[in-house]
Amino acid sequence: MSERPRGRKTAKPLYTPDERRRRDATPWTLVQGILAPVQFAVFLVSLVLVLRYLASGLGYEAATASIVLKTLVLYLIMVTGSIWEHAVFGKYLLAPAFFWEDMVSFVVIALHTAYLVALFTGWAGPEGQMAIALAAYATYVVNAAQFLLKLRAARLQAAPAVELTSEGLEVAP
C-alpha cells in the first residue's frame, strides 16, 4: 500500500497580496473594527431586554427601542461593510472570499426588517414581534461566528508557517 504524504491541505488564501494591501490601507477596515463590537454590545443589551420582557411582561418599550437600535446598527454595518468589500475586493457584495457571510447577512437583514414591518404594522403582536427579533438574533449569532472564523483564518494565513523538521524549527516564507 502506498502512503499518502502527510501535511496540511493548502487552502486558497483569503486575500491576495494586493487585496491585503487594500484591506490594510482603507479606513473602512477600522470602521468595521469599531462597528462590529458596538453592534455586539447593542445585541447583548437588547437580548437581555427582550428576554426580560418575554419572561416578565415588563419593559416592552425598552426591548422595542433596543431592537430598533440593533437594526439600525445592523443596517449601518451592512452599508459600511459593502463599501469595505468594494474597497478590498472590487465588489460591493458577494466577493468570493465573503460569499457565505454575505448570504447569511441577507437573512439577518431580512429578519430584522421583518421585525420592523411587524412593529410598524402591528402584525404578530408584541410576543410575535419578539419571536421575530429572537430569530433575527439567532441568525446574527451564526453570522457573527462566520466573521470571527474568517478573521481568525486571515490572521492564521498572515502568520508565518513554522515547521518542526529534523534540523529544528523552520519558518516558511
N, C-alpha and C. Protein backbone atom coordinates (compact mmCIF):
# COMPACT_ATOMS: atom_id res chain seq x y z
N MET A 1 0.83 -1.18 0.00
CA MET A 1 0.00 0.00 0.00
C MET A 1 0.87 1.24 0.00
N SER A 2 0.44 2.19 -0.74
CA SER A 2 1.21 3.43 -0.75
C SER A 2 0.63 4.38 0.29
N GLU A 3 1.52 5.08 0.94
CA GLU A 3 1.09 6.03 1.96
C GLU A 3 0.89 7.39 1.32
N ARG A 4 -0.15 8.06 1.78
CA ARG A 4 -0.37 9.43 1.31
C ARG A 4 0.56 10.34 2.08
N PRO A 5 1.13 11.31 1.41
CA PRO A 5 2.03 12.22 2.13
C PRO A 5 1.26 12.99 3.19
N ARG A 6 1.93 13.15 4.31
CA ARG A 6 1.31 13.92 5.40
C ARG A 6 1.56 15.40 5.17
N GLY A 7 0.69 16.15 5.68
CA GLY A 7 0.85 17.60 5.57
C GLY A 7 -0.51 18.27 5.54
N ARG A 8 -0.45 19.54 5.61
CA ARG A 8 -1.70 20.30 5.62
C ARG A 8 -2.22 20.48 4.20
N LYS A 9 -3.53 20.48 4.11
CA LYS A 9 -4.17 20.79 2.85
C LYS A 9 -3.98 22.29 2.61
N THR A 10 -3.55 22.65 1.44
CA THR A 10 -3.29 24.04 1.16
C THR A 10 -4.59 24.73 0.78
N ALA A 11 -5.01 25.66 1.61
CA ALA A 11 -6.24 26.41 1.36
C ALA A 11 -5.91 27.64 0.55
N LYS A 12 -6.88 28.04 -0.25
CA LYS A 12 -6.71 29.27 -1.01
C LYS A 12 -6.65 30.43 -0.01
N PRO A 13 -5.66 31.30 -0.15
CA PRO A 13 -5.58 32.42 0.80
C PRO A 13 -6.83 33.29 0.73
N LEU A 14 -7.21 33.82 1.86
CA LEU A 14 -8.39 34.69 1.93
C LEU A 14 -8.17 35.96 1.12
N TYR A 15 -6.95 36.50 1.20
CA TYR A 15 -6.61 37.73 0.49
C TYR A 15 -5.40 37.48 -0.41
N THR A 16 -5.45 38.06 -1.59
CA THR A 16 -4.24 38.12 -2.39
C THR A 16 -3.35 39.20 -1.78
N PRO A 17 -2.08 39.27 -2.16
CA PRO A 17 -1.25 40.35 -1.62
C PRO A 17 -1.82 41.74 -1.90
N ASP A 18 -2.38 41.96 -3.09
CA ASP A 18 -2.98 43.27 -3.39
C ASP A 18 -4.21 43.53 -2.54
N GLU A 19 -5.05 42.52 -2.34
CA GLU A 19 -6.24 42.69 -1.51
C GLU A 19 -5.84 42.97 -0.07
N ARG A 20 -4.83 42.30 0.40
CA ARG A 20 -4.35 42.54 1.78
C ARG A 20 -3.86 43.98 1.92
N ARG A 21 -3.12 44.47 0.93
CA ARG A 21 -2.66 45.87 0.97
C ARG A 21 -3.85 46.83 0.97
N ARG A 22 -4.84 46.56 0.11
CA ARG A 22 -6.02 47.42 0.07
C ARG A 22 -6.79 47.34 1.40
N ARG A 23 -6.91 46.15 1.97
CA ARG A 23 -7.58 45.98 3.26
C ARG A 23 -6.88 46.80 4.34
N ASP A 24 -5.57 46.73 4.37
CA ASP A 24 -4.81 47.44 5.39
C ASP A 24 -4.80 48.95 5.18
N ALA A 25 -5.01 49.39 3.93
CA ALA A 25 -4.93 50.82 3.60
C ALA A 25 -6.26 51.54 3.74
N THR A 26 -7.37 50.83 3.61
CA THR A 26 -8.66 51.52 3.60
C THR A 26 -9.11 51.87 5.02
N PRO A 27 -9.65 53.06 5.20
CA PRO A 27 -10.18 53.43 6.52
C PRO A 27 -11.42 52.61 6.89
N TRP A 28 -12.05 51.96 5.92
CA TRP A 28 -13.25 51.17 6.18
C TRP A 28 -12.94 49.93 7.02
N THR A 29 -11.69 49.49 7.03
CA THR A 29 -11.31 48.37 7.89
C THR A 29 -11.45 48.79 9.36
N LEU A 30 -10.99 49.97 9.69
CA LEU A 30 -11.12 50.48 11.05
C LEU A 30 -12.59 50.69 11.41
N VAL A 31 -13.37 51.23 10.46
CA VAL A 31 -14.79 51.44 10.70
C VAL A 31 -15.46 50.12 11.06
N GLN A 32 -15.17 49.07 10.31
CA GLN A 32 -15.75 47.76 10.60
C GLN A 32 -15.26 47.24 11.94
N GLY A 33 -13.99 47.48 12.23
CA GLY A 33 -13.43 47.04 13.50
C GLY A 33 -14.04 47.73 14.70
N ILE A 34 -14.56 48.92 14.51
CA ILE A 34 -15.25 49.64 15.59
C ILE A 34 -16.73 49.23 15.65
N LEU A 35 -17.37 49.18 14.49
CA LEU A 35 -18.81 48.90 14.47
C LEU A 35 -19.17 47.48 14.89
N ALA A 36 -18.32 46.51 14.58
CA ALA A 36 -18.65 45.11 14.92
C ALA A 36 -18.81 44.92 16.43
N PRO A 37 -17.86 45.37 17.25
CA PRO A 37 -18.09 45.20 18.70
C PRO A 37 -19.21 46.08 19.24
N VAL A 38 -19.43 47.25 18.63
CA VAL A 38 -20.55 48.09 19.05
C VAL A 38 -21.86 47.34 18.79
N GLN A 39 -21.97 46.76 17.61
CA GLN A 39 -23.17 46.01 17.28
C GLN A 39 -23.37 44.83 18.25
N PHE A 40 -22.28 44.16 18.59
CA PHE A 40 -22.39 43.03 19.51
C PHE A 40 -22.84 43.49 20.89
N ALA A 41 -22.33 44.62 21.36
CA ALA A 41 -22.75 45.16 22.66
C ALA A 41 -24.24 45.53 22.64
N VAL A 42 -24.68 46.18 21.56
CA VAL A 42 -26.10 46.53 21.44
C VAL A 42 -26.94 45.25 21.42
N PHE A 43 -26.47 44.24 20.71
CA PHE A 43 -27.16 42.94 20.66
C PHE A 43 -27.31 42.35 22.07
N LEU A 44 -26.22 42.32 22.83
CA LEU A 44 -26.29 41.72 24.17
C LEU A 44 -27.29 42.44 25.07
N VAL A 45 -27.24 43.77 25.07
CA VAL A 45 -28.19 44.54 25.89
C VAL A 45 -29.61 44.27 25.41
N SER A 46 -29.81 44.30 24.11
CA SER A 46 -31.14 44.07 23.57
C SER A 46 -31.65 42.68 23.88
N LEU A 47 -30.79 41.68 23.77
CA LEU A 47 -31.19 40.31 24.08
C LEU A 47 -31.70 40.21 25.52
N VAL A 48 -30.98 40.83 26.44
CA VAL A 48 -31.40 40.81 27.84
C VAL A 48 -32.77 41.48 27.99
N LEU A 49 -32.96 42.61 27.33
CA LEU A 49 -34.23 43.34 27.43
C LEU A 49 -35.39 42.54 26.82
N VAL A 50 -35.13 41.89 25.69
CA VAL A 50 -36.17 41.08 25.05
C VAL A 50 -36.53 39.90 25.94
N LEU A 51 -35.52 39.20 26.46
CA LEU A 51 -35.79 38.05 27.32
C LEU A 51 -36.50 38.48 28.60
N ARG A 52 -36.13 39.64 29.13
CA ARG A 52 -36.80 40.16 30.33
C ARG A 52 -38.28 40.41 30.04
N TYR A 53 -38.55 41.04 28.88
CA TYR A 53 -39.95 41.29 28.52
C TYR A 53 -40.73 39.98 28.37
N LEU A 54 -40.14 39.03 27.67
CA LEU A 54 -40.83 37.76 27.45
C LEU A 54 -41.06 36.99 28.75
N ALA A 55 -40.13 37.11 29.70
CA ALA A 55 -40.25 36.39 30.97
C ALA A 55 -41.21 37.08 31.94
N SER A 56 -41.25 38.41 31.89
CA SER A 56 -42.00 39.13 32.92
C SER A 56 -43.14 39.99 32.39
N GLY A 57 -43.11 40.28 31.11
CA GLY A 57 -44.11 41.21 30.57
C GLY A 57 -43.75 42.66 30.82
N LEU A 58 -42.60 42.90 31.44
CA LEU A 58 -42.16 44.26 31.76
C LEU A 58 -41.12 44.74 30.74
N GLY A 59 -41.16 46.02 30.44
CA GLY A 59 -40.11 46.61 29.62
C GLY A 59 -40.30 46.48 28.12
N TYR A 60 -41.55 46.42 27.67
CA TYR A 60 -41.79 46.30 26.22
C TYR A 60 -41.15 47.45 25.45
N GLU A 61 -41.32 48.67 25.95
CA GLU A 61 -40.79 49.84 25.24
C GLU A 61 -39.26 49.79 25.15
N ALA A 62 -38.62 49.42 26.24
CA ALA A 62 -37.15 49.33 26.22
C ALA A 62 -36.68 48.23 25.28
N ALA A 63 -37.35 47.09 25.33
CA ALA A 63 -36.98 45.99 24.42
C ALA A 63 -37.16 46.41 22.98
N THR A 64 -38.29 47.06 22.69
CA THR A 64 -38.58 47.50 21.33
C THR A 64 -37.56 48.52 20.85
N ALA A 65 -37.26 49.50 21.69
CA ALA A 65 -36.26 50.51 21.30
C ALA A 65 -34.90 49.86 21.06
N SER A 66 -34.56 48.88 21.86
CA SER A 66 -33.25 48.22 21.68
C SER A 66 -33.20 47.42 20.38
N ILE A 67 -34.30 46.81 20.01
CA ILE A 67 -34.33 46.05 18.75
C ILE A 67 -34.23 47.01 17.57
N VAL A 68 -34.92 48.13 17.65
CA VAL A 68 -34.83 49.13 16.58
C VAL A 68 -33.39 49.64 16.47
N LEU A 69 -32.77 49.94 17.62
CA LEU A 69 -31.37 50.40 17.59
C LEU A 69 -30.45 49.32 17.00
N LYS A 70 -30.64 48.08 17.41
CA LYS A 70 -29.83 46.98 16.87
C LYS A 70 -30.00 46.90 15.36
N THR A 71 -31.22 47.07 14.88
CA THR A 71 -31.48 47.01 13.44
C THR A 71 -30.80 48.16 12.72
N LEU A 72 -30.85 49.35 13.28
CA LEU A 72 -30.18 50.49 12.65
C LEU A 72 -28.66 50.30 12.61
N VAL A 73 -28.09 49.78 13.68
CA VAL A 73 -26.65 49.50 13.69
C VAL A 73 -26.33 48.42 12.65
N LEU A 74 -27.19 47.42 12.54
CA LEU A 74 -27.01 46.38 11.52
C LEU A 74 -27.00 46.99 10.12
N TYR A 75 -27.97 47.85 9.83
CA TYR A 75 -28.00 48.49 8.52
C TYR A 75 -26.72 49.29 8.27
N LEU A 76 -26.27 50.01 9.29
CA LEU A 76 -25.05 50.80 9.16
C LEU A 76 -23.84 49.91 8.87
N ILE A 77 -23.72 48.83 9.60
CA ILE A 77 -22.56 47.96 9.39
C ILE A 77 -22.65 47.24 8.05
N MET A 78 -23.87 46.99 7.56
CA MET A 78 -24.01 46.37 6.25
C MET A 78 -23.59 47.34 5.15
N VAL A 79 -24.00 48.58 5.26
CA VAL A 79 -23.62 49.58 4.24
C VAL A 79 -22.11 49.81 4.27
N THR A 80 -21.55 50.03 5.45
CA THR A 80 -20.11 50.28 5.53
C THR A 80 -19.33 49.02 5.17
N GLY A 81 -19.88 47.85 5.49
CA GLY A 81 -19.23 46.59 5.13
C GLY A 81 -19.19 46.39 3.63
N SER A 82 -20.25 46.79 2.94
CA SER A 82 -20.24 46.65 1.49
C SER A 82 -19.26 47.65 0.85
N ILE A 83 -19.12 48.81 1.45
CA ILE A 83 -18.11 49.76 0.97
C ILE A 83 -16.72 49.18 1.20
N TRP A 84 -16.49 48.57 2.37
CA TRP A 84 -15.21 47.91 2.66
C TRP A 84 -14.94 46.81 1.65
N GLU A 85 -15.96 45.98 1.38
CA GLU A 85 -15.80 44.87 0.45
C GLU A 85 -15.43 45.39 -0.94
N HIS A 86 -16.04 46.50 -1.34
CA HIS A 86 -15.71 47.10 -2.63
C HIS A 86 -14.28 47.63 -2.64
N ALA A 87 -13.87 48.27 -1.56
CA ALA A 87 -12.51 48.82 -1.48
C ALA A 87 -11.46 47.72 -1.54
N VAL A 88 -11.76 46.56 -0.96
CA VAL A 88 -10.79 45.47 -0.89
C VAL A 88 -10.88 44.55 -2.09
N PHE A 89 -12.09 44.15 -2.48
CA PHE A 89 -12.28 43.12 -3.50
C PHE A 89 -12.84 43.64 -4.82
N GLY A 90 -13.26 44.92 -4.87
CA GLY A 90 -13.80 45.46 -6.11
C GLY A 90 -15.26 45.10 -6.35
N LYS A 91 -15.93 44.52 -5.35
CA LYS A 91 -17.35 44.17 -5.44
C LYS A 91 -18.03 44.63 -4.16
N TYR A 92 -19.22 45.20 -4.30
CA TYR A 92 -19.91 45.67 -3.11
C TYR A 92 -20.43 44.53 -2.24
N LEU A 93 -20.78 43.45 -2.86
CA LEU A 93 -21.29 42.29 -2.12
C LEU A 93 -20.91 41.02 -2.86
N LEU A 94 -20.92 39.93 -2.12
CA LEU A 94 -20.72 38.60 -2.67
C LEU A 94 -19.36 38.38 -3.31
N ALA A 95 -18.34 39.05 -2.78
CA ALA A 95 -16.98 38.73 -3.20
C ALA A 95 -16.74 37.27 -2.80
N PRO A 96 -16.06 36.50 -3.62
CA PRO A 96 -15.89 35.07 -3.31
C PRO A 96 -15.37 34.80 -1.89
N ALA A 97 -14.48 35.62 -1.39
CA ALA A 97 -13.91 35.38 -0.06
C ALA A 97 -14.95 35.53 1.05
N PHE A 98 -16.02 36.28 0.81
CA PHE A 98 -17.04 36.52 1.83
C PHE A 98 -18.44 36.17 1.34
N PHE A 99 -18.53 35.28 0.36
CA PHE A 99 -19.83 34.93 -0.23
C PHE A 99 -20.83 34.43 0.81
N TRP A 100 -20.44 33.42 1.60
CA TRP A 100 -21.39 32.82 2.54
C TRP A 100 -21.69 33.75 3.70
N GLU A 101 -20.73 34.55 4.12
CA GLU A 101 -21.00 35.54 5.16
C GLU A 101 -22.04 36.54 4.66
N ASP A 102 -21.89 36.97 3.41
CA ASP A 102 -22.86 37.91 2.83
C ASP A 102 -24.24 37.26 2.69
N MET A 103 -24.28 35.99 2.27
CA MET A 103 -25.57 35.32 2.12
C MET A 103 -26.31 35.23 3.46
N VAL A 104 -25.60 34.87 4.51
CA VAL A 104 -26.25 34.79 5.83
C VAL A 104 -26.61 36.20 6.31
N SER A 105 -25.79 37.19 5.97
CA SER A 105 -26.12 38.58 6.32
C SER A 105 -27.46 38.99 5.71
N PHE A 106 -27.74 38.53 4.49
CA PHE A 106 -29.02 38.85 3.86
C PHE A 106 -30.19 38.29 4.68
N VAL A 107 -30.03 37.10 5.23
CA VAL A 107 -31.08 36.51 6.06
C VAL A 107 -31.23 37.32 7.34
N VAL A 108 -30.10 37.71 7.94
CA VAL A 108 -30.13 38.52 9.16
C VAL A 108 -30.87 39.83 8.89
N ILE A 109 -30.54 40.48 7.79
CA ILE A 109 -31.20 41.75 7.44
C ILE A 109 -32.68 41.53 7.17
N ALA A 110 -33.01 40.46 6.47
CA ALA A 110 -34.42 40.18 6.17
C ALA A 110 -35.22 39.99 7.46
N LEU A 111 -34.66 39.26 8.42
CA LEU A 111 -35.37 39.04 9.68
C LEU A 111 -35.49 40.32 10.50
N HIS A 112 -34.45 41.12 10.55
CA HIS A 112 -34.54 42.40 11.26
C HIS A 112 -35.57 43.32 10.59
N THR A 113 -35.58 43.31 9.27
CA THR A 113 -36.55 44.13 8.54
C THR A 113 -37.96 43.61 8.76
N ALA A 114 -38.12 42.29 8.80
CA ALA A 114 -39.44 41.72 9.10
C ALA A 114 -39.92 42.17 10.47
N TYR A 115 -39.00 42.25 11.42
CA TYR A 115 -39.37 42.76 12.75
C TYR A 115 -39.91 44.19 12.64
N LEU A 116 -39.19 45.05 11.91
CA LEU A 116 -39.64 46.44 11.77
C LEU A 116 -41.01 46.51 11.11
N VAL A 117 -41.22 45.71 10.07
CA VAL A 117 -42.53 45.69 9.40
C VAL A 117 -43.61 45.26 10.39
N ALA A 118 -43.33 44.21 11.14
CA ALA A 118 -44.30 43.74 12.14
C ALA A 118 -44.57 44.82 13.19
N LEU A 119 -43.51 45.48 13.63
CA LEU A 119 -43.66 46.53 14.64
C LEU A 119 -44.53 47.67 14.12
N PHE A 120 -44.21 48.16 12.93
CA PHE A 120 -44.90 49.35 12.42
C PHE A 120 -46.29 49.07 11.86
N THR A 121 -46.57 47.81 11.56
CA THR A 121 -47.92 47.47 11.09
C THR A 121 -48.78 46.87 12.19
N GLY A 122 -48.15 46.54 13.33
CA GLY A 122 -48.89 45.91 14.41
C GLY A 122 -49.09 44.42 14.19
N TRP A 123 -48.49 43.88 13.16
CA TRP A 123 -48.64 42.46 12.85
C TRP A 123 -47.95 41.60 13.90
N ALA A 124 -48.50 40.50 14.23
CA ALA A 124 -47.95 39.46 15.11
C ALA A 124 -48.03 39.80 16.60
N GLY A 125 -48.39 41.01 16.97
CA GLY A 125 -48.48 41.35 18.38
C GLY A 125 -47.11 41.38 19.04
N PRO A 126 -47.02 41.89 20.26
CA PRO A 126 -45.73 42.04 20.93
C PRO A 126 -44.93 40.75 21.06
N GLU A 127 -45.58 39.66 21.46
CA GLU A 127 -44.83 38.41 21.63
C GLU A 127 -44.34 37.87 20.28
N GLY A 128 -45.16 37.98 19.27
CA GLY A 128 -44.76 37.54 17.93
C GLY A 128 -43.61 38.38 17.39
N GLN A 129 -43.67 39.68 17.67
CA GLN A 129 -42.59 40.57 17.24
C GLN A 129 -41.29 40.19 17.95
N MET A 130 -41.39 39.90 19.23
CA MET A 130 -40.19 39.50 19.97
C MET A 130 -39.65 38.17 19.45
N ALA A 131 -40.53 37.28 19.04
CA ALA A 131 -40.09 36.00 18.47
C ALA A 131 -39.33 36.23 17.16
N ILE A 132 -39.82 37.17 16.36
CA ILE A 132 -39.11 37.52 15.12
C ILE A 132 -37.73 38.09 15.46
N ALA A 133 -37.69 38.95 16.48
CA ALA A 133 -36.40 39.52 16.90
C ALA A 133 -35.45 38.43 17.36
N LEU A 134 -35.94 37.47 18.12
CA LEU A 134 -35.07 36.38 18.58
C LEU A 134 -34.56 35.53 17.42
N ALA A 135 -35.42 35.31 16.42
CA ALA A 135 -34.96 34.58 15.22
C ALA A 135 -33.87 35.38 14.51
N ALA A 136 -34.07 36.69 14.42
CA ALA A 136 -33.06 37.57 13.81
C ALA A 136 -31.76 37.50 14.61
N TYR A 137 -31.88 37.50 15.94
CA TYR A 137 -30.69 37.47 16.78
C TYR A 137 -29.96 36.14 16.68
N ALA A 138 -30.70 35.04 16.61
CA ALA A 138 -30.05 33.73 16.46
C ALA A 138 -29.27 33.67 15.15
N THR A 139 -29.85 34.19 14.11
CA THR A 139 -29.17 34.21 12.81
C THR A 139 -27.98 35.15 12.85
N TYR A 140 -28.12 36.26 13.55
CA TYR A 140 -26.99 37.19 13.72
C TYR A 140 -25.82 36.50 14.42
N VAL A 141 -26.10 35.70 15.43
CA VAL A 141 -25.03 35.00 16.15
C VAL A 141 -24.28 34.07 15.19
N VAL A 142 -25.01 33.36 14.35
CA VAL A 142 -24.37 32.49 13.34
C VAL A 142 -23.49 33.33 12.43
N ASN A 143 -24.01 34.46 11.97
CA ASN A 143 -23.27 35.33 11.06
C ASN A 143 -22.04 35.93 11.74
N ALA A 144 -22.18 36.34 12.99
CA ALA A 144 -21.03 36.87 13.73
C ALA A 144 -19.96 35.80 13.87
N ALA A 145 -20.38 34.56 14.13
CA ALA A 145 -19.41 33.46 14.23
C ALA A 145 -18.69 33.25 12.90
N GLN A 146 -19.43 33.36 11.80
CA GLN A 146 -18.79 33.24 10.48
C GLN A 146 -17.68 34.27 10.33
N PHE A 147 -17.98 35.51 10.68
CA PHE A 147 -16.99 36.57 10.52
C PHE A 147 -15.82 36.39 11.47
N LEU A 148 -16.08 35.93 12.68
CA LEU A 148 -14.97 35.69 13.62
C LEU A 148 -14.07 34.57 13.11
N LEU A 149 -14.65 33.51 12.57
CA LEU A 149 -13.85 32.43 11.99
C LEU A 149 -13.05 32.92 10.79
N LYS A 150 -13.65 33.79 10.00
CA LYS A 150 -12.95 34.34 8.83
C LYS A 150 -11.80 35.23 9.29
N LEU A 151 -12.01 36.03 10.33
CA LEU A 151 -10.95 36.87 10.88
C LEU A 151 -9.81 36.01 11.40
N ARG A 152 -10.15 34.94 12.10
CA ARG A 152 -9.12 34.02 12.61
C ARG A 152 -8.35 33.39 11.45
N ALA A 153 -9.05 32.96 10.41
CA ALA A 153 -8.38 32.37 9.25
C ALA A 153 -7.43 33.36 8.60
N ALA A 154 -7.86 34.61 8.50
CA ALA A 154 -7.00 35.65 7.90
C ALA A 154 -5.75 35.85 8.74
N ARG A 155 -5.91 35.85 10.05
CA ARG A 155 -4.74 36.02 10.93
C ARG A 155 -3.80 34.83 10.83
N LEU A 156 -4.35 33.63 10.78
CA LEU A 156 -3.50 32.44 10.65
C LEU A 156 -2.77 32.43 9.31
N GLN A 157 -3.44 32.87 8.26
CA GLN A 157 -2.79 32.92 6.95
C GLN A 157 -1.71 33.97 6.90
N ALA A 158 -1.86 35.02 7.68
CA ALA A 158 -0.87 36.10 7.68
C ALA A 158 0.36 35.72 8.50
N ALA A 159 0.19 34.81 9.45
CA ALA A 159 1.31 34.40 10.30
C ALA A 159 2.25 33.48 9.53
N PRO A 160 3.54 33.60 9.76
CA PRO A 160 4.46 32.70 9.07
C PRO A 160 4.27 31.27 9.55
N ALA A 161 4.38 30.34 8.62
CA ALA A 161 4.23 28.92 8.97
C ALA A 161 5.53 28.43 9.59
N VAL A 162 5.42 27.72 10.68
CA VAL A 162 6.59 27.17 11.37
C VAL A 162 6.46 25.65 11.33
N GLU A 163 7.51 24.98 10.89
CA GLU A 163 7.51 23.53 10.84
C GLU A 163 8.66 22.98 11.66
N LEU A 164 8.39 21.85 12.28
CA LEU A 164 9.43 21.15 13.02
C LEU A 164 10.02 20.12 12.07
N THR A 165 11.29 20.27 11.78
CA THR A 165 11.98 19.34 10.90
C THR A 165 13.07 18.63 11.69
N SER A 166 13.72 17.72 11.04
CA SER A 166 14.81 17.00 11.72
C SER A 166 15.96 17.95 12.07
N GLU A 167 15.97 19.10 11.46
CA GLU A 167 17.04 20.07 11.73
C GLU A 167 16.60 21.16 12.69
N GLY A 168 15.38 21.07 13.18
CA GLY A 168 14.89 22.08 14.11
C GLY A 168 13.68 22.79 13.54
N LEU A 169 13.37 23.95 14.10
CA LEU A 169 12.24 24.75 13.62
C LEU A 169 12.65 25.54 12.39
N GLU A 170 11.76 25.53 11.40
CA GLU A 170 11.99 26.31 10.19
C GLU A 170 10.76 27.17 9.95
N VAL A 171 11.00 28.41 9.55
CA VAL A 171 9.92 29.34 9.22
C VAL A 171 9.80 29.38 7.71
N ALA A 172 8.59 29.05 7.23
CA ALA A 172 8.35 29.08 5.80
C ALA A 172 8.16 30.52 5.35
N PRO A 173 8.56 30.83 4.14
CA PRO A 173 8.40 32.22 3.66
C PRO A 173 6.94 32.59 3.44
